[in-house]
Amino acid sequence: PLAKPSATLPFFRGEPIGRTYQPPVYAVVKRINPNVTDIFYWMFFPYNRGKNVCIGFSMLGTCIGGYSTFGHHVGDWEHTTVRVQDGKATSIYISAHGIDSIYFSAVNFERIIFSSTHT
């Protein structure tokens, strides 16, 4: 067990990634009709560090009362769905804690999705 909720263990940092190793991304393809296909990309995170939260009150962008971290948990699946219509990406859905159901129009642009705030 962890000594306190904000504690971490060495393996929570995950595996090193780089040019020779990238974590797996799983894809599921679902044909909706002859012209529309959804591609679901699934990513697994062995540990999800919580957010730093002001436990006092915030005034003019400053936290008075201190910070604490909430929401650490082990085992987290996130996914992104790309809808392809007539051979072109038309929308992107991104699943993430606290901001589910975000759709982006995929017309005339490319998007790179980062699944971490750390490199």
Protein backbone atom coordinates (compact mmCIF):
# COMPACT_ATOMS: atom_id res chain seq x y z
CA PRO A 1 0.00 0.00 0.00
CA LEU A 2 0.99 3.61 -0.52
CA ALA A 3 2.02 5.67 2.50
CA LYS A 4 -0.31 8.49 1.46
CA PRO A 5 -2.61 9.26 -1.51
CA SER A 6 -0.02 11.45 -3.23
CA ALA A 7 2.77 8.83 -2.94
CA THR A 8 4.13 7.06 -6.01
CA LEU A 9 6.07 3.90 -6.74
CA PRO A 10 8.92 3.68 -9.31
CA PHE A 11 6.87 1.70 -11.86
CA PHE A 12 4.19 4.43 -11.97
CA ARG A 13 6.48 6.35 -14.35
CA GLY A 14 5.89 3.70 -17.01
CA GLU A 15 8.42 2.47 -19.51
CA PRO A 16 10.91 4.65 -21.36
CA ILE A 17 9.80 5.46 -24.89
CA GLY A 18 11.80 6.66 -27.84
CA ARG A 19 12.69 5.88 -31.41
CA THR A 20 13.06 2.15 -30.76
CA TYR A 21 10.07 1.65 -28.45
CA GLN A 22 6.59 3.13 -28.54
CA PRO A 23 3.73 1.96 -26.30
CA PRO A 24 1.03 -0.02 -28.08
CA VAL A 25 -2.12 1.58 -29.43
CA TYR A 26 -5.00 -0.76 -30.21
CA ALA A 27 -7.40 -0.08 -33.06
CA VAL A 28 -10.94 -1.32 -33.65
CA VAL A 29 -12.58 -0.62 -37.00
CA LYS A 30 -16.38 -0.49 -37.23
CA ARG A 31 -18.16 -0.10 -40.54
CA ILE A 32 -21.28 2.03 -39.93
CA ASN A 33 -22.54 1.89 -43.52
CA PRO A 34 -20.90 1.62 -46.97
CA ASN A 35 -19.72 5.25 -46.79
CA VAL A 36 -18.92 5.70 -43.06
CA THR A 37 -16.35 3.92 -40.88
CA ASP A 38 -15.37 4.63 -37.27
CA ILE A 39 -11.84 3.81 -36.12
CA PHE A 40 -11.41 3.55 -32.34
CA TYR A 41 -7.85 3.95 -31.03
CA TRP A 42 -7.38 2.61 -27.46
CA MET A 43 -4.42 3.42 -25.19
CA PHE A 44 -3.70 1.91 -21.77
CA PHE A 45 -1.94 3.83 -19.02
CA PRO A 46 -0.70 1.78 -16.05
CA TYR A 47 -0.92 4.79 -13.75
CA ASN A 48 -2.73 8.10 -13.95
CA ARG A 49 -1.45 10.85 -11.69
CA GLY A 50 -4.16 13.08 -10.30
CA LYS A 51 -4.50 16.81 -10.48
CA ASN A 52 -2.94 19.40 -8.21
CA VAL A 53 -5.95 21.13 -6.60
CA CYS A 54 -6.12 24.27 -4.48
CA ILE A 55 -7.64 23.16 -1.16
CA GLY A 56 -7.96 26.70 0.19
CA PHE A 57 -9.41 29.30 -2.10
CA SER A 58 -8.14 30.95 -5.23
CA MET A 59 -7.88 34.70 -5.50
CA LEU A 60 -6.59 36.47 -8.60
CA GLY A 61 -4.93 33.27 -9.81
CA THR A 62 -3.20 32.59 -6.49
CA CYS A 63 -4.03 29.66 -4.23
CA ILE A 64 -4.42 30.66 -0.60
CA GLY A 65 -4.42 27.64 1.72
CA GLY A 66 -2.17 25.24 -0.16
CA TYR A 67 -2.43 22.50 -2.74
CA SER A 68 -3.15 18.78 -2.58
CA THR A 69 -3.24 16.14 -5.29
CA PHE A 70 -6.43 14.16 -5.95
CA GLY A 71 -7.39 11.46 -8.40
CA HIS A 72 -4.36 9.13 -8.56
CA HIS A 73 -5.38 5.73 -9.86
CA VAL A 74 -3.87 2.59 -11.32
CA GLY A 75 -5.10 1.31 -14.68
CA ASP A 76 -6.64 3.76 -17.13
CA TRP A 77 -7.94 3.27 -20.66
CA GLU A 78 -8.46 6.28 -22.92
CA HIS A 79 -9.65 6.31 -26.50
CA THR A 80 -9.97 8.46 -29.58
CA THR A 81 -12.42 7.84 -32.39
CA VAL A 82 -11.91 9.03 -35.95
CA ARG A 83 -14.94 9.02 -38.25
CA VAL A 84 -14.09 8.44 -41.90
CA GLN A 85 -16.71 9.30 -44.50
CA ASP A 86 -16.18 8.69 -48.20
CA GLY A 87 -12.48 8.04 -47.54
CA LYS A 88 -11.82 11.27 -45.59
CA ALA A 89 -11.65 11.95 -41.86
CA THR A 90 -14.67 14.09 -40.95
CA SER A 91 -14.53 14.25 -37.13
CA ILE A 92 -12.45 13.25 -34.13
CA TYR A 93 -13.76 12.35 -30.66
CA ILE A 94 -11.32 12.51 -27.75
CA SER A 95 -11.98 10.78 -24.44
CA ALA A 96 -10.17 12.21 -21.41
CA HIS A 97 -10.94 12.72 -17.74
CA GLY A 98 -13.12 15.77 -17.23
CA ILE A 99 -13.43 16.66 -20.92
CA ASP A 100 -15.28 13.76 -22.56
CA SER A 101 -17.36 14.31 -25.67
CA ILE A 102 -15.09 16.71 -27.47
CA TYR A 103 -15.54 16.60 -31.20
CA PHE A 104 -13.28 18.35 -33.66
CA SER A 105 -14.09 18.83 -37.30
CA ALA A 106 -11.40 17.08 -39.28
CA VAL A 107 -11.97 18.94 -42.52
CA ASN A 108 -8.82 20.36 -44.16
CA PHE A 109 -6.42 19.88 -41.27
CA GLU A 110 -4.29 17.30 -39.55
CA ARG A 111 -4.26 16.74 -35.80
CA ILE A 112 -1.70 15.14 -33.54
CA ILE A 113 -3.06 13.81 -30.27
CA PHE A 114 -0.75 13.77 -27.25
CA SER A 115 -1.78 11.36 -24.54
CA SER A 116 0.46 12.76 -21.82
CA THR A 117 1.55 16.06 -20.38
CA HIS A 118 5.10 14.73 -19.88
CA THR A 119 7.71 13.73 -22.43
